[in-house]
Amino acid sequence: MTMDKMFSLFSDEKLREVFEEFQVHENTQVLKDGILRDMVNLIEKQTPNPTTMLIMISVEHALLREMAMRYYNK
């Protein structure tokens, strides 16, 4: 399952919770335990020779894309 699909299955509340984790990461550069870290770990396990920074960018992009799609009802 893709990240986009996973995020699309989240409730609005869970998506908001992940966004709060994203904001903490943006401000502190520390990825604390939570949904965001779990998704990064999942991607790392599925990706040969993963680059953590690229994985974080991919996860964050998928999160923000889903939030924008919901906001604009697309």
C-alpha atoms as a PDB file:
ATOM      1  CA  MET A   1       0.000   0.000   0.000  1.00  0.00           C
ATOM      2  CA  THR A   2       1.327   3.437  -0.890  1.00  0.00           C
ATOM      3  CA  MET A   3       1.724   6.270   1.592  1.00  0.00           C
ATOM      4  CA  ASP A   4      -0.926   8.256  -0.260  1.00  0.00           C
ATOM      5  CA  LYS A   5      -3.389   5.386   0.183  1.00  0.00           C
ATOM      6  CA  MET A   6      -2.484   4.956   3.863  1.00  0.00           C
ATOM      7  CA  PHE A   7      -3.039   8.641   4.595  1.00  0.00           C
ATOM      8  CA  SER A   8      -6.322   8.605   2.666  1.00  0.00           C
ATOM      9  CA  LEU A   9      -7.615   5.951   5.078  1.00  0.00           C
ATOM     10  CA  PHE A  10      -6.828   8.046   8.166  1.00  0.00           C
ATOM     11  CA  SER A  11      -9.627   9.842   9.952  1.00  0.00           C
ATOM     12  CA  ASP A  12      -9.443  13.633  10.076  1.00  0.00           C
ATOM     13  CA  GLU A  13      -8.431  13.406  13.737  1.00  0.00           C
ATOM     14  CA  LYS A  14      -5.611  10.952  13.038  1.00  0.00           C
ATOM     15  CA  LEU A  15      -4.416  13.082  10.122  1.00  0.00           C
ATOM     16  CA  ARG A  16      -4.385  16.113  12.441  1.00  0.00           C
ATOM     17  CA  GLU A  17      -2.362  14.123  14.976  1.00  0.00           C
ATOM     18  CA  VAL A  18       0.226  13.218  12.334  1.00  0.00           C
ATOM     19  CA  PHE A  19       0.371  16.853  11.229  1.00  0.00           C
ATOM     20  CA  GLU A  20       1.140  17.885  14.815  1.00  0.00           C
ATOM     21  CA  GLU A  21       3.984  15.335  14.843  1.00  0.00           C
ATOM     22  CA  PHE A  22       5.165  16.804  11.524  1.00  0.00           C
ATOM     23  CA  GLN A  23       5.187  20.315  13.016  1.00  0.00           C
ATOM     24  CA  VAL A  24       7.231  19.165  16.021  1.00  0.00           C
ATOM     25  CA  HIS A  25       9.707  17.516  13.654  1.00  0.00           C
ATOM     26  CA  GLU A  26       9.929  20.667  11.538  1.00  0.00           C
ATOM     27  CA  ASN A  27      10.648  22.813  14.599  1.00  0.00           C
ATOM     28  CA  THR A  28      12.998  20.490  16.483  1.00  0.00           C
ATOM     29  CA  GLN A  29      14.425  18.235  13.745  1.00  0.00           C
ATOM     30  CA  VAL A  30      13.718  15.369  16.172  1.00  0.00           C
ATOM     31  CA  LEU A  31      11.395  12.615  14.999  1.00  0.00           C
ATOM     32  CA  LYS A  32       9.634  11.451  18.150  1.00  0.00           C
ATOM     33  CA  ASP A  33       7.775   8.168  18.556  1.00  0.00           C
ATOM     34  CA  GLY A  34       4.379   8.224  16.900  1.00  0.00           C
ATOM     35  CA  ILE A  35       2.546   7.644  13.659  1.00  0.00           C
ATOM     36  CA  LEU A  36       5.027   9.611  11.554  1.00  0.00           C
ATOM     37  CA  ARG A  37       7.995   7.626  12.886  1.00  0.00           C
ATOM     38  CA  ASP A  38       6.083   4.370  12.362  1.00  0.00           C
ATOM     39  CA  MET A  39       5.482   5.275   8.717  1.00  0.00           C
ATOM     40  CA  VAL A  40       9.126   6.197   8.190  1.00  0.00           C
ATOM     41  CA  ASN A  41      10.207   2.892   9.759  1.00  0.00           C
ATOM     42  CA  LEU A  42       7.786   0.994   7.519  1.00  0.00           C
ATOM     43  CA  ILE A  43       9.165   2.666   4.393  1.00  0.00           C
ATOM     44  CA  GLU A  44      12.759   2.047   5.523  1.00  0.00           C
ATOM     45  CA  LYS A  45      12.017  -1.676   5.828  1.00  0.00           C
ATOM     46  CA  GLN A  46      10.506  -1.788   2.342  1.00  0.00           C
ATOM     47  CA  THR A  47      13.206   0.262   0.602  1.00  0.00           C
ATOM     48  CA  PRO A  48      16.588  -1.174  -0.331  1.00  0.00           C
ATOM     49  CA  ASN A  49      19.388   1.156   0.797  1.00  0.00           C
ATOM     50  CA  PRO A  50      17.040   3.791   2.205  1.00  0.00           C
ATOM     51  CA  THR A  51      18.073   7.378   2.715  1.00  0.00           C
ATOM     52  CA  THR A  52      16.276   8.614   5.816  1.00  0.00           C
ATOM     53  CA  MET A  53      16.037  12.198   4.590  1.00  0.00           C
ATOM     54  CA  LEU A  54      14.416  11.160   1.309  1.00  0.00           C
ATOM     55  CA  ILE A  55      12.008   8.906   3.166  1.00  0.00           C
ATOM     56  CA  MET A  56      11.040  11.747   5.518  1.00  0.00           C
ATOM     57  CA  ILE A  57      10.439  14.042   2.567  1.00  0.00           C
ATOM     58  CA  SER A  58       8.284  11.404   0.881  1.00  0.00           C
ATOM     59  CA  VAL A  59       6.205  10.775   4.003  1.00  0.00           C
ATOM     60  CA  GLU A  60       5.764  14.479   4.704  1.00  0.00           C
ATOM     61  CA  HIS A  61       4.794  15.138   1.085  1.00  0.00           C
ATOM     62  CA  ALA A  62       2.148  12.402   1.180  1.00  0.00           C
ATOM     63  CA  LEU A  63       0.763  13.778   4.461  1.00  0.00           C
ATOM     64  CA  LEU A  64       0.545  17.350   3.213  1.00  0.00           C
ATOM     65  CA  ARG A  65      -0.931  16.215  -0.116  1.00  0.00           C
ATOM     66  CA  GLU A  66      -3.733  14.321   1.627  1.00  0.00           C
ATOM     67  CA  MET A  67      -4.474  17.279   3.888  1.00  0.00           C
ATOM     68  CA  ALA A  68      -4.652  19.628   0.909  1.00  0.00           C
ATOM     69  CA  MET A  69      -6.887  17.223  -1.025  1.00  0.00           C
ATOM     70  CA  ARG A  70      -9.323  17.047   1.892  1.00  0.00           C
ATOM     71  CA  TYR A  71      -9.302  20.789   2.407  1.00  0.00           C
ATOM     72  CA  TYR A  72     -10.082  21.447  -1.229  1.00  0.00           C
ATOM     73  CA  ASN A  73     -12.477  18.450  -1.469  1.00  0.00           C
ATOM     74  CA  LYS A  74     -10.704  16.878  -4.425  1.00  0.00           C
END
